[in-house]
Each structure stands twice: as structure tokens, then as C-alpha cells.
Amino acid sequence: MVSGVFIAVTLNVSTSLSDRGDRVKEQLDTDFAIINDPNAIPLQGSYYLFYLKNIGGKTLATTNQTFQVFLDGEIIPVAQYYFGGSSLPKEGTATLYVDTTIAAGDHTLRIVGPQATEDTFMFTR
């Protein structure tokens, strides 16, 4: 009886560690970075352009449902940003178009993506 309990506990611990390892791998495969020049944010019409590079191991879907955008701690409504493309391949770049007013001065852009990965970018306008 004791050996049966020991085997069950060992199996549960092994499964738990395996699940955790899978979650860590998923997070490592899901990573990106904002790669703009912090002193020169491009403007196209009313849209500010920010560039994201996929530094993870898999393609990322680039939609308003998979990414959330914050400027100076305030969430940008989904109607005010979009990506130039529906996916971001491994080692590829994507353009994020943000339609908002940005006053002169220092700002912080925070983008939260899949698996709660995020990058924060400080820039001056």
C-alpha cells in the first residue's frame, strides 16, 4: 500500500514539473521587443509607428485581442491601434500603428502580448 502511494505522489510531482516546464517554454517562445529609436518616433498621418521584433521561438498573432497597448500608464483603446499584418514570424518585425495624441516630452510605451509577455519602451517626442 505504501509503495502505491509513493508511486502516485511521484507521478503527480513529475507531471507538475513537466507542466511547469511546458509553461516556461511557452513563455520563452512568446517574446518580443520594441525596437524604435527612442529619439525619433515616426509619424504617418495621425498614426505613430512603433516596431516590434519577435525574439521568441514561434510566430505571434498580431491583433488587438492578443496585444494591449499602454501609453504613460493609460490603456489605448483597441479602436486606436492596429498592426500592419496579422502575424509576427520568428525573428521578424511588425509595425504597430497608434492613433493618439502624444505631447512633447518623455513617455513610456508598454505593450503586453500573448502569455503576459511585455516590453516597456521609454521615448522622447
C-alpha atoms as a PDB file:
ATOM      1  CA  MET A   1       0.000   0.000   0.000  1.00  0.00           C
ATOM      2  CA  VAL A   2       2.785   2.439   0.901  1.00  0.00           C
ATOM      3  CA  SER A   3       4.602   1.778  -2.375  1.00  0.00           C
ATOM      4  CA  GLY A   4       1.387   2.533  -4.315  1.00  0.00           C
ATOM      5  CA  VAL A   5       1.019   5.877  -2.560  1.00  0.00           C
ATOM      6  CA  PHE A   6       4.698   6.674  -3.186  1.00  0.00           C
ATOM      7  CA  ILE A   7       4.309   5.904  -6.914  1.00  0.00           C
ATOM      8  CA  ALA A   8       1.182   8.093  -7.150  1.00  0.00           C
ATOM      9  CA  VAL A   9       2.893  11.009  -5.385  1.00  0.00           C
ATOM     10  CA  THR A  10       5.991  10.647  -7.579  1.00  0.00           C
ATOM     11  CA  LEU A  11       3.813  10.603 -10.704  1.00  0.00           C
ATOM     12  CA  ASN A  12       1.941  13.748  -9.555  1.00  0.00           C
ATOM     13  CA  VAL A  13       5.198  15.610  -8.849  1.00  0.00           C
ATOM     14  CA  SER A  14       6.635  14.522 -12.204  1.00  0.00           C
ATOM     15  CA  THR A  15       3.501  15.675 -14.053  1.00  0.00           C
ATOM     16  CA  SER A  16       3.512  19.004 -12.206  1.00  0.00           C
ATOM     17  CA  LEU A  17       7.163  19.663 -13.086  1.00  0.00           C
ATOM     18  CA  SER A  18       6.518  18.720 -16.702  1.00  0.00           C
ATOM     19  CA  ASP A  19       3.540  21.115 -16.878  1.00  0.00           C
ATOM     20  CA  ARG A  20       5.616  23.931 -15.376  1.00  0.00           C
ATOM     21  CA  GLY A  21       8.401  23.266 -17.859  1.00  0.00           C
ATOM     22  CA  ASP A  22       5.901  23.465 -20.726  1.00  0.00           C
ATOM     23  CA  ARG A  23       4.602  26.820 -19.442  1.00  0.00           C
ATOM     24  CA  VAL A  24       8.138  28.223 -19.154  1.00  0.00           C
ATOM     25  CA  LYS A  25       8.958  27.030 -22.686  1.00  0.00           C
ATOM     26  CA  GLU A  26       5.753  28.635 -23.990  1.00  0.00           C
ATOM     27  CA  GLN A  27       6.684  31.940 -22.350  1.00  0.00           C
ATOM     28  CA  LEU A  28      10.215  31.817 -23.753  1.00  0.00           C
ATOM     29  CA  ASP A  29       8.842  31.062 -27.221  1.00  0.00           C
ATOM     30  CA  THR A  30       6.498  34.052 -26.884  1.00  0.00           C
ATOM     31  CA  ASP A  31       8.717  37.110 -26.579  1.00  0.00           C
ATOM     32  CA  PHE A  32       9.109  40.413 -28.387  1.00  0.00           C
ATOM     33  CA  ALA A  33      10.936  43.735 -28.102  1.00  0.00           C
ATOM     34  CA  ILE A  34      10.105  47.303 -29.129  1.00  0.00           C
ATOM     35  CA  ILE A  35      12.990  48.381 -31.366  1.00  0.00           C
ATOM     36  CA  ASN A  36      12.307  52.043 -32.218  1.00  0.00           C
ATOM     37  CA  ASP A  37      14.873  54.804 -31.918  1.00  0.00           C
ATOM     38  CA  PRO A  38      13.735  56.445 -28.645  1.00  0.00           C
ATOM     39  CA  ASN A  39      14.502  59.927 -30.006  1.00  0.00           C
ATOM     40  CA  ALA A  40      12.727  59.614 -33.376  1.00  0.00           C
ATOM     41  CA  ILE A  41       9.244  58.059 -33.340  1.00  0.00           C
ATOM     42  CA  PRO A  42       7.910  58.034 -36.913  1.00  0.00           C
ATOM     43  CA  LEU A  43       4.552  59.621 -37.644  1.00  0.00           C
ATOM     44  CA  GLN A  44       2.398  58.604 -40.622  1.00  0.00           C
ATOM     45  CA  GLY A  45      -0.701  60.766 -40.894  1.00  0.00           C
ATOM     46  CA  SER A  46      -2.205  60.675 -37.391  1.00  0.00           C
ATOM     47  CA  TYR A  47      -0.508  57.369 -36.500  1.00  0.00           C
ATOM     48  CA  TYR A  48       2.693  56.961 -34.506  1.00  0.00           C
ATOM     49  CA  LEU A  49       4.645  53.931 -35.682  1.00  0.00           C
ATOM     50  CA  PHE A  50       6.288  51.523 -33.272  1.00  0.00           C
ATOM     51  CA  TYR A  51       8.266  48.491 -34.374  1.00  0.00           C
ATOM     52  CA  LEU A  52       8.126  45.118 -32.633  1.00  0.00           C
ATOM     53  CA  LYS A  53      10.668  42.366 -33.191  1.00  0.00           C
ATOM     54  CA  ASN A  54       9.799  38.767 -32.414  1.00  0.00           C
ATOM     55  CA  ILE A  55      12.662  37.465 -30.271  1.00  0.00           C
ATOM     56  CA  GLY A  56      10.818  34.285 -29.271  1.00  0.00           C
ATOM     57  CA  GLY A  57      10.710  30.921 -30.943  1.00  0.00           C
ATOM     58  CA  LYS A  58       7.293  30.954 -32.611  1.00  0.00           C
ATOM     59  CA  THR A  59       5.043  33.120 -34.770  1.00  0.00           C
ATOM     60  CA  LEU A  60       2.846  35.561 -32.836  1.00  0.00           C
ATOM     61  CA  ALA A  61      -0.649  36.619 -33.847  1.00  0.00           C
ATOM     62  CA  THR A  62      -0.762  40.428 -34.017  1.00  0.00           C
ATOM     63  CA  THR A  63      -4.292  41.510 -33.213  1.00  0.00           C
ATOM     64  CA  ASN A  64      -5.959  43.882 -30.770  1.00  0.00           C
ATOM     65  CA  GLN A  65      -7.053  40.789 -28.827  1.00  0.00           C
ATOM     66  CA  THR A  66      -3.514  39.392 -28.410  1.00  0.00           C
ATOM     67  CA  PHE A  67      -1.769  42.698 -27.644  1.00  0.00           C
ATOM     68  CA  GLN A  68      -2.696  45.573 -25.357  1.00  0.00           C
ATOM     69  CA  VAL A  69      -1.015  48.965 -25.558  1.00  0.00           C
ATOM     70  CA  PHE A  70      -0.415  51.416 -22.714  1.00  0.00           C
ATOM     71  CA  LEU A  71       0.975  54.938 -23.027  1.00  0.00           C
ATOM     72  CA  ASP A  72       2.160  56.584 -19.817  1.00  0.00           C
ATOM     73  CA  GLY A  73       0.172  54.034 -17.800  1.00  0.00           C
ATOM     74  CA  GLU A  74      -3.112  54.607 -19.655  1.00  0.00           C
ATOM     75  CA  ILE A  75      -4.565  51.860 -21.844  1.00  0.00           C
ATOM     76  CA  ILE A  76      -5.012  52.791 -25.501  1.00  0.00           C
ATOM     77  CA  PRO A  77      -8.492  51.742 -26.699  1.00  0.00           C
ATOM     78  CA  VAL A  78      -8.381  48.900 -29.243  1.00  0.00           C
ATOM     79  CA  ALA A  79     -10.018  51.143 -31.849  1.00  0.00           C
ATOM     80  CA  GLN A  80      -6.940  53.403 -31.761  1.00  0.00           C
ATOM     81  CA  TYR A  81      -4.240  50.920 -32.756  1.00  0.00           C
ATOM     82  CA  TYR A  82      -3.610  48.146 -35.233  1.00  0.00           C
ATOM     83  CA  PHE A  83      -0.765  46.086 -36.646  1.00  0.00           C
ATOM     84  CA  GLY A  84       0.451  46.115 -40.220  1.00  0.00           C
ATOM     85  CA  GLY A  85      -0.117  42.377 -40.690  1.00  0.00           C
ATOM     86  CA  SER A  86      -1.865  39.562 -38.862  1.00  0.00           C
ATOM     87  CA  SER A  87       1.223  37.757 -37.583  1.00  0.00           C
ATOM     88  CA  LEU A  88       4.784  38.312 -36.491  1.00  0.00           C
ATOM     89  CA  PRO A  89       7.082  35.484 -37.624  1.00  0.00           C
ATOM     90  CA  LYS A  90      10.058  34.304 -35.597  1.00  0.00           C
ATOM     91  CA  GLU A  91      12.841  36.929 -35.873  1.00  0.00           C
ATOM     92  CA  GLY A  92      10.514  39.153 -37.942  1.00  0.00           C
ATOM     93  CA  THR A  93       9.329  42.690 -37.295  1.00  0.00           C
ATOM     94  CA  ALA A  94       5.858  44.207 -37.294  1.00  0.00           C
ATOM     95  CA  THR A  95       4.632  47.782 -37.320  1.00  0.00           C
ATOM     96  CA  LEU A  96       2.191  48.914 -34.646  1.00  0.00           C
ATOM     97  CA  TYR A  97       0.128  51.957 -35.681  1.00  0.00           C
ATOM     98  CA  VAL A  98      -1.113  54.023 -32.728  1.00  0.00           C
ATOM     99  CA  ASP A  99      -3.613  56.841 -33.305  1.00  0.00           C
ATOM    100  CA  THR A 100      -3.334  59.082 -30.253  1.00  0.00           C
ATOM    101  CA  THR A 101      -2.083  62.487 -29.207  1.00  0.00           C
ATOM    102  CA  ILE A 102       1.396  62.451 -27.707  1.00  0.00           C
ATOM    103  CA  ALA A 103       2.561  65.706 -26.134  1.00  0.00           C
ATOM    104  CA  ALA A 104       6.175  66.828 -26.313  1.00  0.00           C
ATOM    105  CA  GLY A 105       8.349  65.303 -23.587  1.00  0.00           C
ATOM    106  CA  ASP A 106       9.290  61.919 -22.161  1.00  0.00           C
ATOM    107  CA  HIS A 107       6.879  58.991 -22.402  1.00  0.00           C
ATOM    108  CA  THR A 108       6.617  55.292 -21.636  1.00  0.00           C
ATOM    109  CA  LEU A 109       5.034  52.789 -24.012  1.00  0.00           C
ATOM    110  CA  ARG A 110       4.179  49.384 -22.577  1.00  0.00           C
ATOM    111  CA  ILE A 111       2.950  46.569 -24.780  1.00  0.00           C
ATOM    112  CA  VAL A 112       1.511  43.399 -23.261  1.00  0.00           C
ATOM    113  CA  GLY A 113       1.295  40.405 -25.563  1.00  0.00           C
ATOM    114  CA  PRO A 114       0.463  36.710 -25.502  1.00  0.00           C
ATOM    115  CA  GLN A 115       1.321  34.713 -22.354  1.00  0.00           C
ATOM    116  CA  ALA A 116       1.506  38.057 -20.480  1.00  0.00           C
ATOM    117  CA  THR A 117       4.846  38.841 -22.111  1.00  0.00           C
ATOM    118  CA  GLU A 118       5.562  42.535 -22.203  1.00  0.00           C
ATOM    119  CA  ASP A 119       8.071  45.151 -23.165  1.00  0.00           C
ATOM    120  CA  THR A 120       8.407  48.697 -21.923  1.00  0.00           C
ATOM    121  CA  PHE A 121       9.939  51.423 -24.065  1.00  0.00           C
ATOM    122  CA  MET A 122      10.850  54.930 -22.956  1.00  0.00           C
ATOM    123  CA  PHE A 123      10.975  57.620 -25.621  1.00  0.00           C
ATOM    124  CA  THR A 124      11.011  61.347 -26.159  1.00  0.00           C
ATOM    125  CA  ARG A 125       8.738  63.232 -28.518  1.00  0.00           C
END
